[in-house]
Amino acid sequence: MTTPDTLRDTRIPLAHGSGALPAVGFGTLIPDPLATRQAVKAALETGFRHLDGAERYRNETAVGDGMQDAFRAGTVRREDVFVTTKLWNTNHRPERVKPALEASLRRLQLDEIDCYLIHTPFAFQPGDEQDPRDARGQVIYDPAVTLVETWHAMERLVDDGLSRAIGLSDITLEKLREIVAAARIKPAVVQVESHPYLPEWELLEFCRTHGIVLQAFAPLGHGLEPKLLDDAVITAIAQRVHKTPAQVALAWAVQRGTAFLTTSTKPPRIRENFDISALPEDAMQEMRDRITTNVRFNSVVTTGVPGFIPGTR
């Protein structure tokens, strides 16, 4: 049973990979390399044991440097940190998948990754340009490869010992069903936008049925309108349990069986986002029953193009 002191230490065993995913994760979509390095080090010092990155963020070297700083300082050991990174859209062709991960590993200064995700289900024109556009400014997609073909190339990374688990990001339930049906190695993790204004209950139920961990990005809505942290239900619960609205939303995420990612460059915010405690069951039910706002902040699931660059709360 989860107690107030253990919620933040929750680890979810991977049914389709080795190891367990720390439910409380730190995202590294931070534009400035120095700020990235410092934030990674601060997150590990605070107690975060899951770091989430991506080739697309263009800062994997800084993430690797931050980890190495923490390893050298004795803050944490490599084996205690779960590291995720992602395959970008321009590398979906099977022959490009393994070189893309090998390049990420070099930048991260790691021999293997704990989990490798397909960043979005959309294949872009292959090449070094991450955002290929035509003369009209429209994204150039790659019709020569299917998501299932990319997935089979991901499976070979597990066979080769380069990634302990594989998964998908920014995917709809329909597309996820397609991969689960075709997979030899099932997805271990599915990372999608999710928060009290976008609970994704149907997707979560499918993931539970198939032993997949659902991981939420933007669990606090990143300050976009309508502001999740100003929600009357959440703020009332926060006052009642003597926590901040952010801590309430994050505790809700873990207690309902999902993992989450938060991002910040500010040590006090990093500590706040880690310091979560279990909510009373009546508060959990209240959030499910009384929060009626429904909004998706990021359109990436329909285009493969990131819908926004999250703020670093």
C-alpha atoms as a PDB file:
ATOM      1  CA  MET A   1       0.000   0.000   0.000  1.00  0.00           C
ATOM      2  CA  THR A   2       1.268   3.465  -0.877  1.00  0.00           C
ATOM      3  CA  THR A   3       1.975   5.695   2.100  1.00  0.00           C
ATOM      4  CA  PRO A   4       2.592   9.462   2.060  1.00  0.00           C
ATOM      5  CA  ASP A   5       6.323   8.825   2.429  1.00  0.00           C
ATOM      6  CA  THR A   6       6.704   6.366  -0.447  1.00  0.00           C
ATOM      7  CA  LEU A   7       4.630   7.780  -3.306  1.00  0.00           C
ATOM      8  CA  ARG A   8       7.548   9.697  -4.821  1.00  0.00           C
ATOM      9  CA  ASP A   9       9.690   6.544  -4.748  1.00  0.00           C
ATOM     10  CA  THR A  10       7.176   4.480  -6.736  1.00  0.00           C
ATOM     11  CA  ARG A  11       8.739   2.241  -9.374  1.00  0.00           C
ATOM     12  CA  ILE A  12       6.615   0.487 -11.978  1.00  0.00           C
ATOM     13  CA  PRO A  13       8.020  -2.876 -13.172  1.00  0.00           C
ATOM     14  CA  LEU A  14       8.257  -3.154 -16.946  1.00  0.00           C
ATOM     15  CA  ALA A  15       6.275  -6.114 -18.249  1.00  0.00           C
ATOM     16  CA  HIS A  16       7.909  -5.887 -21.673  1.00  0.00           C
ATOM     17  CA  GLY A  17      11.441  -4.898 -20.739  1.00  0.00           C
ATOM     18  CA  SER A  18      13.911  -5.220 -17.921  1.00  0.00           C
ATOM     19  CA  GLY A  19      13.938  -3.060 -14.826  1.00  0.00           C
ATOM     20  CA  ALA A  20      11.342  -0.742 -13.348  1.00  0.00           C
ATOM     21  CA  LEU A  21      10.400   2.790 -14.350  1.00  0.00           C
ATOM     22  CA  PRO A  22      10.522   5.414 -11.576  1.00  0.00           C
ATOM     23  CA  ALA A  23       7.070   7.004 -11.698  1.00  0.00           C
ATOM     24  CA  VAL A  24       8.447  10.447 -10.824  1.00  0.00           C
ATOM     25  CA  GLY A  25      10.526  11.548 -13.814  1.00  0.00           C
ATOM     26  CA  PHE A  26      12.495  14.603 -14.895  1.00  0.00           C
ATOM     27  CA  GLY A  27      12.164  15.864 -18.471  1.00  0.00           C
ATOM     28  CA  THR A  28      15.114  17.572 -20.155  1.00  0.00           C
ATOM     29  CA  LEU A  29      13.508  19.731 -22.842  1.00  0.00           C
ATOM     30  CA  ILE A  30      15.562  22.763 -21.830  1.00  0.00           C
ATOM     31  CA  PRO A  31      16.940  24.952 -24.651  1.00  0.00           C
ATOM     32  CA  ASP A  32      20.151  26.144 -22.978  1.00  0.00           C
ATOM     33  CA  PRO A  33      22.923  23.478 -22.634  1.00  0.00           C
ATOM     34  CA  LEU A  34      24.424  24.901 -19.445  1.00  0.00           C
ATOM     35  CA  ALA A  35      20.995  25.175 -17.828  1.00  0.00           C
ATOM     36  CA  THR A  36      20.301  21.589 -18.924  1.00  0.00           C
ATOM     37  CA  ARG A  37      23.489  20.302 -17.293  1.00  0.00           C
ATOM     38  CA  GLN A  38      22.782  22.156 -14.053  1.00  0.00           C
ATOM     39  CA  ALA A  39      19.127  21.069 -13.961  1.00  0.00           C
ATOM     40  CA  VAL A  40      20.009  17.405 -14.501  1.00  0.00           C
ATOM     41  CA  LYS A  41      22.525  17.540 -11.661  1.00  0.00           C
ATOM     42  CA  ALA A  42      20.007  19.309  -9.392  1.00  0.00           C
ATOM     43  CA  ALA A  43      17.273  16.791 -10.244  1.00  0.00           C
ATOM     44  CA  LEU A  44      19.492  13.853  -9.357  1.00  0.00           C
ATOM     45  CA  GLU A  45      20.581  15.544  -6.131  1.00  0.00           C
ATOM     46  CA  THR A  46      16.906  16.088  -5.245  1.00  0.00           C
ATOM     47  CA  GLY A  47      16.071  12.426  -5.714  1.00  0.00           C
ATOM     48  CA  PHE A  48      14.774  12.055  -9.281  1.00  0.00           C
ATOM     49  CA  ARG A  49      15.899   8.719 -10.689  1.00  0.00           C
ATOM     50  CA  HIS A  50      14.407   8.920 -14.167  1.00  0.00           C
ATOM     51  CA  LEU A  51      15.739  11.271 -16.833  1.00  0.00           C
ATOM     52  CA  ASP A  52      13.855  11.668 -20.103  1.00  0.00           C
ATOM     53  CA  GLY A  53      15.565  13.143 -23.154  1.00  0.00           C
ATOM     54  CA  ALA A  54      15.423  13.058 -26.938  1.00  0.00           C
ATOM     55  CA  GLU A  55      17.567  13.493 -30.015  1.00  0.00           C
ATOM     56  CA  ARG A  56      15.138  16.242 -31.033  1.00  0.00           C
ATOM     57  CA  TYR A  57      15.956  18.332 -27.970  1.00  0.00           C
ATOM     58  CA  ARG A  58      19.508  18.824 -29.277  1.00  0.00           C
ATOM     59  CA  ASN A  59      20.953  18.720 -25.763  1.00  0.00           C
ATOM     60  CA  GLU A  60      21.800  15.071 -25.109  1.00  0.00           C
ATOM     61  CA  THR A  61      25.472  15.993 -24.613  1.00  0.00           C
ATOM     62  CA  ALA A  62      24.502  18.370 -21.805  1.00  0.00           C
ATOM     63  CA  VAL A  63      22.257  15.709 -20.251  1.00  0.00           C
ATOM     64  CA  GLY A  64      25.176  13.291 -20.356  1.00  0.00           C
ATOM     65  CA  ASP A  65      27.484  15.863 -18.787  1.00  0.00           C
ATOM     66  CA  GLY A  66      24.997  16.481 -15.969  1.00  0.00           C
ATOM     67  CA  MET A  67      24.740  12.761 -15.273  1.00  0.00           C
ATOM     68  CA  GLN A  68      28.516  12.373 -15.260  1.00  0.00           C
ATOM     69  CA  ASP A  69      28.788  15.291 -12.814  1.00  0.00           C
ATOM     70  CA  ALA A  70      26.408  13.474 -10.468  1.00  0.00           C
ATOM     71  CA  PHE A  71      28.183  10.131 -10.894  1.00  0.00           C
ATOM     72  CA  ARG A  72      31.575  11.659 -10.115  1.00  0.00           C
ATOM     73  CA  ALA A  73      30.184  13.496  -7.098  1.00  0.00           C
ATOM     74  CA  GLY A  74      28.841  10.236  -5.700  1.00  0.00           C
ATOM     75  CA  THR A  75      25.268  11.569  -5.771  1.00  0.00           C
ATOM     76  CA  VAL A  76      24.007   8.493  -7.589  1.00  0.00           C
ATOM     77  CA  ARG A  77      25.252   5.466  -9.518  1.00  0.00           C
ATOM     78  CA  ARG A  78      24.494   4.795 -13.158  1.00  0.00           C
ATOM     79  CA  GLU A  79      22.612   1.609 -12.279  1.00  0.00           C
ATOM     80  CA  ASP A  80      20.214   3.608 -10.105  1.00  0.00           C
ATOM     81  CA  VAL A  81      19.190   6.027 -12.881  1.00  0.00           C
ATOM     82  CA  PHE A  82      16.612   5.097 -15.512  1.00  0.00           C
ATOM     83  CA  VAL A  83      17.447   6.940 -18.741  1.00  0.00           C
ATOM     84  CA  THR A  84      15.060   7.370 -21.670  1.00  0.00           C
ATOM     85  CA  THR A  85      15.720   8.996 -25.019  1.00  0.00           C
ATOM     86  CA  LYS A  86      13.850   9.072 -28.309  1.00  0.00           C
ATOM     87  CA  LEU A  87      14.166   8.326 -32.017  1.00  0.00           C
ATOM     88  CA  TRP A  88      13.302  11.397 -34.069  1.00  0.00           C
ATOM     89  CA  ASN A  89      10.951  11.415 -37.061  1.00  0.00           C
ATOM     90  CA  THR A  90      13.729  11.717 -39.672  1.00  0.00           C
ATOM     91  CA  ASN A  91      15.217   8.374 -38.600  1.00  0.00           C
ATOM     92  CA  HIS A  92      12.217   6.078 -39.005  1.00  0.00           C
ATOM     93  CA  ARG A  93      13.629   4.042 -41.869  1.00  0.00           C
ATOM     94  CA  PRO A  94      14.883   0.741 -40.403  1.00  0.00           C
ATOM     95  CA  GLU A  95      18.483   1.242 -41.528  1.00  0.00           C
ATOM     96  CA  ARG A  96      18.626   4.581 -39.685  1.00  0.00           C
ATOM     97  CA  VAL A  97      17.252   3.398 -36.318  1.00  0.00           C
ATOM     98  CA  LYS A  98      20.345   1.723 -34.853  1.00  0.00           C
ATOM     99  CA  PRO A  99      22.775   4.489 -35.936  1.00  0.00           C
ATOM    100  CA  ALA A 100      20.433   7.059 -34.388  1.00  0.00           C
ATOM    101  CA  LEU A 101      20.479   5.308 -31.030  1.00  0.00           C
ATOM    102  CA  GLU A 102      24.244   4.785 -31.186  1.00  0.00           C
ATOM    103  CA  ALA A 103      24.673   8.524 -31.772  1.00  0.00           C
ATOM    104  CA  SER A 104      22.423   9.292 -28.788  1.00  0.00           C
ATOM    105  CA  LEU A 105      24.430   6.915 -26.609  1.00  0.00           C
ATOM    106  CA  ARG A 106      27.671   8.663 -27.555  1.00  0.00           C
ATOM    107  CA  ARG A 107      26.211  12.037 -26.677  1.00  0.00           C
ATOM    108  CA  LEU A 108      24.768  10.720 -23.406  1.00  0.00           C
ATOM    109  CA  GLN A 109      28.062   8.943 -22.600  1.00  0.00           C
ATOM    110  CA  LEU A 110      26.260   5.646 -21.990  1.00  0.00           C
ATOM    111  CA  ASP A 111      26.739   2.077 -23.198  1.00  0.00           C
ATOM    112  CA  GLU A 112      23.021   1.277 -23.231  1.00  0.00           C
ATOM    113  CA  ILE A 113      19.738   3.032 -22.704  1.00  0.00           C
ATOM    114  CA  ASP A 114      17.010   1.917 -20.317  1.00  0.00           C
ATOM    115  CA  CYS A 115      14.193   2.822 -22.689  1.00  0.00           C
ATOM    116  CA  TYR A 116      14.130   4.052 -26.285  1.00  0.00           C
ATOM    117  CA  LEU A 117      10.923   5.615 -27.594  1.00  0.00           C
ATOM    118  CA  ILE A 118       9.708   6.431 -31.084  1.00  0.00           C
ATOM    119  CA  HIS A 119       9.219  10.164 -30.547  1.00  0.00           C
ATOM    120  CA  THR A 120       6.126  10.387 -32.758  1.00  0.00           C
ATOM    121  CA  PRO A 121       4.408   7.932 -35.122  1.00  0.00           C
ATOM    122  CA  PHE A 122       5.082  10.259 -38.080  1.00  0.00           C
ATOM    123  CA  ALA A 123       8.028   9.624 -40.410  1.00  0.00           C
ATOM    124  CA  PHE A 124       9.676  12.722 -41.886  1.00  0.00           C
ATOM    125  CA  GLN A 125      11.953  12.891 -44.896  1.00  0.00           C
ATOM    126  CA  PRO A 126      15.205  11.190 -43.814  1.00  0.00           C
ATOM    127  CA  GLY A 127      18.295  13.331 -43.393  1.00  0.00           C
ATOM    128  CA  ASP A 128      20.127  15.629 -41.023  1.00  0.00           C
ATOM    129  CA  GLU A 129      17.482  18.380 -41.118  1.00  0.00           C
ATOM    130  CA  GLN A 130      15.147  17.634 -38.192  1.00  0.00           C
ATOM    131  CA  ASP A 131      12.301  19.751 -39.547  1.00  0.00           C
ATOM    132  CA  PRO A 132      12.262  19.194 -43.333  1.00  0.00           C
ATOM    133  CA  ARG A 133       9.934  21.579 -45.165  1.00  0.00           C
ATOM    134  CA  ASP A 134       8.949  22.116 -48.778  1.00  0.00           C
ATOM    135  CA  ALA A 135       8.859  25.439 -50.636  1.00  0.00           C
ATOM    136  CA  ARG A 136       5.459  26.208 -49.102  1.00  0.00           C
ATOM    137  CA  GLY A 137       6.710  25.570 -45.589  1.00  0.00           C
ATOM    138  CA  GLN A 138       4.867  22.272 -45.242  1.00  0.00           C
ATOM    139  CA  VAL A 139       6.450  19.301 -43.465  1.00  0.00           C
ATOM    140  CA  ILE A 140       7.877  16.702 -45.850  1.00  0.00           C
ATOM    141  CA  TYR A 141       6.672  13.304 -44.659  1.00  0.00           C
ATOM    142  CA  ASP A 142       8.244   9.991 -45.657  1.00  0.00           C
ATOM    143  CA  PRO A 143       5.724   7.614 -47.265  1.00  0.00           C
ATOM    144  CA  ALA A 144       8.406   4.943 -47.832  1.00  0.00           C
ATOM    145  CA  VAL A 145       8.280   3.517 -44.298  1.00  0.00           C
ATOM    146  CA  THR A 146       5.506   2.329 -41.991  1.00  0.00           C
ATOM    147  CA  LEU A 147       5.395   2.615 -38.224  1.00  0.00           C
ATOM    148  CA  VAL A 148       5.368  -1.177 -37.955  1.00  0.00           C
ATOM    149  CA  GLU A 149       8.611  -1.379 -39.959  1.00  0.00           C
ATOM    150  CA  THR A 150      10.199   1.158 -37.622  1.00  0.00           C
ATOM    151  CA  TRP A 151       8.956  -0.824 -34.639  1.00  0.00           C
ATOM    152  CA  HIS A 152      10.594  -4.019 -35.865  1.00  0.00           C
ATOM    153  CA  ALA A 153      13.883  -2.111 -36.130  1.00  0.00           C
ATOM    154  CA  MET A 154      13.361  -0.959 -32.530  1.00  0.00           C
ATOM    155  CA  GLU A 155      12.918  -4.590 -31.463  1.00  0.00           C
ATOM    156  CA  ARG A 156      16.348  -5.413 -32.864  1.00  0.00           C
ATOM    157  CA  LEU A 157      17.880  -2.815 -30.542  1.00  0.00           C
ATOM    158  CA  VAL A 158      16.680  -4.908 -27.606  1.00  0.00           C
ATOM    159  CA  ASP A 159      18.112  -8.024 -29.248  1.00  0.00           C
ATOM    160  CA  ASP A 160      21.463  -6.232 -29.631  1.00  0.00           C
ATOM    161  CA  GLY A 161      21.552  -5.125 -25.979  1.00  0.00           C
ATOM    162  CA  LEU A 162      21.460  -1.405 -26.800  1.00  0.00           C
ATOM    163  CA  SER A 163      18.120  -0.714 -25.112  1.00  0.00           C
ATOM    164  CA  ARG A 164      16.541  -2.601 -22.243  1.00  0.00           C
ATOM    165  CA  ALA A 165      13.022  -1.585 -23.254  1.00  0.00           C
ATOM    166  CA  ILE A 166      11.267   0.189 -26.115  1.00  0.00           C
ATOM    167  CA  GLY A 167       8.121   2.235 -26.433  1.00  0.00           C
ATOM    168  CA  LEU A 168       6.213   4.997 -28.168  1.00  0.00           C
ATOM    169  CA  SER A 169       5.425   8.653 -27.608  1.00  0.00           C
ATOM    170  CA  ASP A 170       2.739  11.034 -28.861  1.00  0.00           C
ATOM    171  CA  ILE A 171       0.614   8.152 -30.113  1.00  0.00           C
ATOM    172  CA  THR A 172      -3.137   7.649 -30.333  1.00  0.00           C
ATOM    173  CA  LEU A 173      -4.927   4.572 -29.045  1.00  0.00           C
ATOM    174  CA  GLU A 174      -5.695   3.512 -32.622  1.00  0.00           C
ATOM    175  CA  LYS A 175      -2.021   3.534 -33.620  1.00  0.00           C
ATOM    176  CA  LEU A 176      -0.991   1.840 -30.380  1.00  0.00           C
ATOM    177  CA  ARG A 177      -3.414  -1.015 -31.062  1.00  0.00           C
ATOM    178  CA  GLU A 178      -1.743  -1.488 -34.449  1.00  0.00           C
ATOM    179  CA  ILE A 179       1.725  -1.797 -32.904  1.00  0.00           C
ATOM    180  CA  VAL A 180       0.648  -4.089 -30.072  1.00  0.00           C
ATOM    181  CA  ALA A 181      -0.973  -6.411 -32.621  1.00  0.00           C
ATOM    182  CA  ALA A 182       2.156  -6.555 -34.806  1.00  0.00           C
ATOM    183  CA  ALA A 183       4.869  -6.487 -32.149  1.00  0.00           C
ATOM    184  CA  ARG A 184       7.244  -9.305 -31.270  1.00  0.00           C
ATOM    185  CA  ILE A 185       8.438  -7.212 -28.319  1.00  0.00           C
ATOM    186  CA  LYS A 186       5.511  -5.228 -26.936  1.00  0.00           C
ATOM    187  CA  PRO A 187       5.866  -1.557 -26.012  1.00  0.00           C
ATOM    188  CA  ALA A 188       6.983  -1.170 -22.398  1.00  0.00           C
ATOM    189  CA  VAL A 189       6.131   2.530 -22.133  1.00  0.00           C
ATOM    190  CA  VAL A 190       3.768   4.915 -23.895  1.00  0.00           C
ATOM    191  CA  GLN A 191       4.444   8.616 -23.290  1.00  0.00           C
ATOM    192  CA  VAL A 192       1.606  11.028 -24.037  1.00  0.00           C
ATOM    193  CA  GLU A 193       0.239  14.346 -22.885  1.00  0.00           C
ATOM    194  CA  SER A 194      -1.931  13.656 -19.867  1.00  0.00           C
ATOM    195  CA  HIS A 195      -3.161  15.622 -16.864  1.00  0.00           C
ATOM    196  CA  PRO A 196      -6.474  16.163 -15.041  1.00  0.00           C
ATOM    197  CA  TYR A 197      -7.766  18.082 -18.081  1.00  0.00           C
ATOM    198  CA  LEU A 198      -6.752  15.201 -20.409  1.00  0.00           C
ATOM    199  CA  PRO A 199      -6.879  12.030 -18.276  1.00  0.00           C
ATOM    200  CA  GLU A 200      -6.826   9.601 -21.213  1.00  0.00           C
ATOM    201  CA  TRP A 201      -8.791   6.991 -19.272  1.00  0.00           C
ATOM    202  CA  GLU A 202      -9.439   4.765 -22.310  1.00  0.00           C
ATOM    203  CA  LEU A 203      -5.771   4.761 -23.301  1.00  0.00           C
ATOM    204  CA  LEU A 204      -4.769   4.080 -19.695  1.00  0.00           C
ATOM    205  CA  GLU A 205      -7.120   1.107 -19.498  1.00  0.00           C
ATOM    206  CA  PHE A 206      -5.713  -0.341 -22.721  1.00  0.00           C
ATOM    207  CA  CYS A 207      -2.175   0.088 -21.366  1.00  0.00           C
ATOM    208  CA  ARG A 208      -3.106  -1.624 -18.104  1.00  0.00           C
ATOM    209  CA  THR A 209      -4.626  -4.544 -19.987  1.00  0.00           C
ATOM    210  CA  HIS A 210      -1.454  -5.008 -22.038  1.00  0.00           C
ATOM    211  CA  GLY A 211       1.124  -4.402 -19.336  1.00  0.00           C
ATOM    212  CA  ILE A 212       2.244  -1.032 -20.717  1.00  0.00           C
ATOM    213  CA  VAL A 213       3.254   1.900 -18.514  1.00  0.00           C
ATOM    214  CA  LEU A 214       1.498   5.146 -19.434  1.00  0.00           C
ATOM    215  CA  GLN A 215       3.772   8.115 -18.795  1.00  0.00           C
ATOM    216  CA  ALA A 216       2.401  11.661 -18.776  1.00  0.00           C
ATOM    217  CA  PHE A 217       4.175  14.671 -20.158  1.00  0.00           C
ATOM    218  CA  ALA A 218       2.779  18.165 -19.476  1.00  0.00           C
ATOM    219  CA  PRO A 219       1.208  16.846 -16.237  1.00  0.00           C
ATOM    220  CA  LEU A 220       0.812  20.442 -15.020  1.00  0.00           C
ATOM    221  CA  GLY A 221      -0.342  21.957 -18.305  1.00  0.00           C
ATOM    222  CA  HIS A 222       2.762  24.192 -18.485  1.00  0.00           C
ATOM    223  CA  GLY A 223       0.851  27.291 -17.507  1.00  0.00           C
ATOM    224  CA  LEU A 224      -1.206  27.393 -20.705  1.00  0.00           C
ATOM    225  CA  GLU A 225      -4.836  28.507 -20.694  1.00  0.00           C
ATOM    226  CA  PRO A 226      -7.036  27.236 -19.156  1.00  0.00           C
ATOM    227  CA  LYS A 227      -4.583  27.013 -16.268  1.00  0.00           C
ATOM    228  CA  LEU A 228      -4.737  23.621 -14.651  1.00  0.00           C
ATOM    229  CA  LEU A 229      -3.104  24.832 -11.436  1.00  0.00           C
ATOM    230  CA  ASP A 230      -5.851  27.431 -10.986  1.00  0.00           C
ATOM    231  CA  ASP A 231      -8.599  24.812 -11.176  1.00  0.00           C
ATOM    232  CA  ALA A 232     -11.003  25.224  -8.264  1.00  0.00           C
ATOM    233  CA  VAL A 233     -11.158  21.508  -7.452  1.00  0.00           C
ATOM    234  CA  ILE A 234      -7.373  21.144  -7.394  1.00  0.00           C
ATOM    235  CA  THR A 235      -6.745  24.312  -5.383  1.00  0.00           C
ATOM    236  CA  ALA A 236      -9.350  23.314  -2.794  1.00  0.00           C
ATOM    237  CA  ILE A 237      -7.763  19.895  -2.355  1.00  0.00           C
ATOM    238  CA  ALA A 238      -4.325  21.500  -2.118  1.00  0.00           C
ATOM    239  CA  GLN A 239      -5.492  23.695   0.753  1.00  0.00           C
ATOM    240  CA  ARG A 240      -7.053  20.713   2.480  1.00  0.00           C
ATOM    241  CA  VAL A 241      -3.950  18.503   2.318  1.00  0.00           C
ATOM    242  CA  HIS A 242      -1.413  21.313   2.819  1.00  0.00           C
ATOM    243  CA  LYS A 243       0.279  20.828  -0.540  1.00  0.00           C
ATOM    244  CA  THR A 244       0.615  23.006  -3.635  1.00  0.00           C
ATOM    245  CA  PRO A 245      -1.746  22.556  -6.592  1.00  0.00           C
ATOM    246  CA  ALA A 246       1.213  21.174  -8.588  1.00  0.00           C
ATOM    247  CA  GLN A 247       1.904  18.554  -5.938  1.00  0.00           C
ATOM    248  CA  VAL A 248      -1.757  17.542  -5.963  1.00  0.00           C
ATOM    249  CA  ALA A 249      -1.810  17.096  -9.751  1.00  0.00           C
ATOM    250  CA  LEU A 250       1.426  15.086  -9.674  1.00  0.00           C
ATOM    251  CA  ALA A 251       0.297  12.873  -6.796  1.00  0.00           C
ATOM    252  CA  TRP A 252      -2.934  12.202  -8.731  1.00  0.00           C
ATOM    253  CA  ALA A 253      -0.848  11.026 -11.696  1.00  0.00           C
ATOM    254  CA  VAL A 254       1.106   8.457  -9.683  1.00  0.00           C
ATOM    255  CA  GLN A 255      -1.833   7.236  -7.601  1.00  0.00           C
ATOM    256  CA  ARG A 256      -3.903   6.414 -10.657  1.00  0.00           C
ATOM    257  CA  GLY A 257      -1.092   4.202 -11.908  1.00  0.00           C
ATOM    258  CA  THR A 258       0.779   6.400 -14.374  1.00  0.00           C
ATOM    259  CA  ALA A 259       4.258   7.902 -14.404  1.00  0.00           C
ATOM    260  CA  PHE A 260       4.948  11.570 -15.105  1.00  0.00           C
ATOM    261  CA  LEU A 261       7.628  13.987 -16.286  1.00  0.00           C
ATOM    262  CA  THR A 262       8.171  17.528 -15.058  1.00  0.00           C
ATOM    263  CA  THR A 263      10.796  20.006 -16.191  1.00  0.00           C
ATOM    264  CA  SER A 264      12.332  22.950 -14.388  1.00  0.00           C
ATOM    265  CA  THR A 265      15.621  24.827 -14.208  1.00  0.00           C
ATOM    266  CA  LYS A 266      14.811  26.200 -10.741  1.00  0.00           C
ATOM    267  CA  PRO A 267      16.014  24.072  -7.793  1.00  0.00           C
ATOM    268  CA  PRO A 268      13.072  25.078  -5.538  1.00  0.00           C
ATOM    269  CA  ARG A 269      10.608  23.997  -8.253  1.00  0.00           C
ATOM    270  CA  ILE A 270      12.535  20.786  -8.855  1.00  0.00           C
ATOM    271  CA  ARG A 271      12.263  19.990  -5.142  1.00  0.00           C
ATOM    272  CA  GLU A 272       8.556  20.912  -5.059  1.00  0.00           C
ATOM    273  CA  ASN A 273       7.773  18.641  -7.995  1.00  0.00           C
ATOM    274  CA  PHE A 274       9.555  15.741  -6.310  1.00  0.00           C
ATOM    275  CA  ASP A 275       8.024  16.233  -2.863  1.00  0.00           C
ATOM    276  CA  ILE A 276       4.648  14.605  -3.450  1.00  0.00           C
ATOM    277  CA  SER A 277       2.502  12.700  -0.964  1.00  0.00           C
ATOM    278  CA  ALA A 278      -0.431  10.357  -1.353  1.00  0.00           C
ATOM    279  CA  LEU A 279      -3.855  11.975  -1.595  1.00  0.00           C
ATOM    280  CA  PRO A 280      -6.904  10.745   0.346  1.00  0.00           C
ATOM    281  CA  GLU A 281      -9.131   8.494  -1.741  1.00  0.00           C
ATOM    282  CA  ASP A 282     -11.987  10.994  -1.554  1.00  0.00           C
ATOM    283  CA  ALA A 283      -9.717  13.612  -3.174  1.00  0.00           C
ATOM    284  CA  MET A 284      -8.860  11.216  -5.997  1.00  0.00           C
ATOM    285  CA  GLN A 285     -12.565  10.541  -6.596  1.00  0.00           C
ATOM    286  CA  GLU A 286     -13.375  14.235  -6.419  1.00  0.00           C
ATOM    287  CA  MET A 287     -10.823  14.992  -9.155  1.00  0.00           C
ATOM    288  CA  ARG A 288     -12.316  12.302 -11.376  1.00  0.00           C
ATOM    289  CA  ASP A 289     -15.926  13.323 -10.810  1.00  0.00           C
ATOM    290  CA  ARG A 290     -15.783  17.117 -10.566  1.00  0.00           C
ATOM    291  CA  ILE A 291     -13.107  18.192 -13.062  1.00  0.00           C
ATOM    292  CA  THR A 292     -14.984  18.541 -16.341  1.00  0.00           C
ATOM    293  CA  THR A 293     -12.614  20.691 -18.407  1.00  0.00           C
ATOM    294  CA  ASN A 294     -11.178  18.716 -21.318  1.00  0.00           C
ATOM    295  CA  VAL A 295      -8.333  20.159 -23.370  1.00  0.00           C
ATOM    296  CA  ARG A 296      -5.263  18.976 -25.270  1.00  0.00           C
ATOM    297  CA  PHE A 297      -2.456  21.533 -25.209  1.00  0.00           C
ATOM    298  CA  ASN A 298      -0.128  19.876 -27.728  1.00  0.00           C
ATOM    299  CA  SER A 299      -1.154  19.032 -31.314  1.00  0.00           C
ATOM    300  CA  VAL A 300       1.840  16.755 -31.959  1.00  0.00           C
ATOM    301  CA  VAL A 301      -0.376  13.637 -32.037  1.00  0.00           C
ATOM    302  CA  THR A 302      -1.994  14.829 -35.273  1.00  0.00           C
ATOM    303  CA  THR A 303       1.060  16.144 -37.146  1.00  0.00           C
ATOM    304  CA  GLY A 304       4.277  14.847 -35.590  1.00  0.00           C
ATOM    305  CA  VAL A 305       5.346  18.486 -35.175  1.00  0.00           C
ATOM    306  CA  PRO A 306       5.845  19.589 -31.549  1.00  0.00           C
ATOM    307  CA  GLY A 307       2.920  21.817 -30.676  1.00  0.00           C
ATOM    308  CA  PHE A 308       4.808  23.911 -28.162  1.00  0.00           C
ATOM    309  CA  ILE A 309       8.061  24.154 -26.308  1.00  0.00           C
ATOM    310  CA  PRO A 310       7.080  23.648 -22.686  1.00  0.00           C
ATOM    311  CA  GLY A 311       7.983  26.276 -20.150  1.00  0.00           C
ATOM    312  CA  THR A 312      10.406  25.218 -17.442  1.00  0.00           C
ATOM    313  CA  ARG A 313       8.221  25.730 -14.401  1.00  0.00           C
END
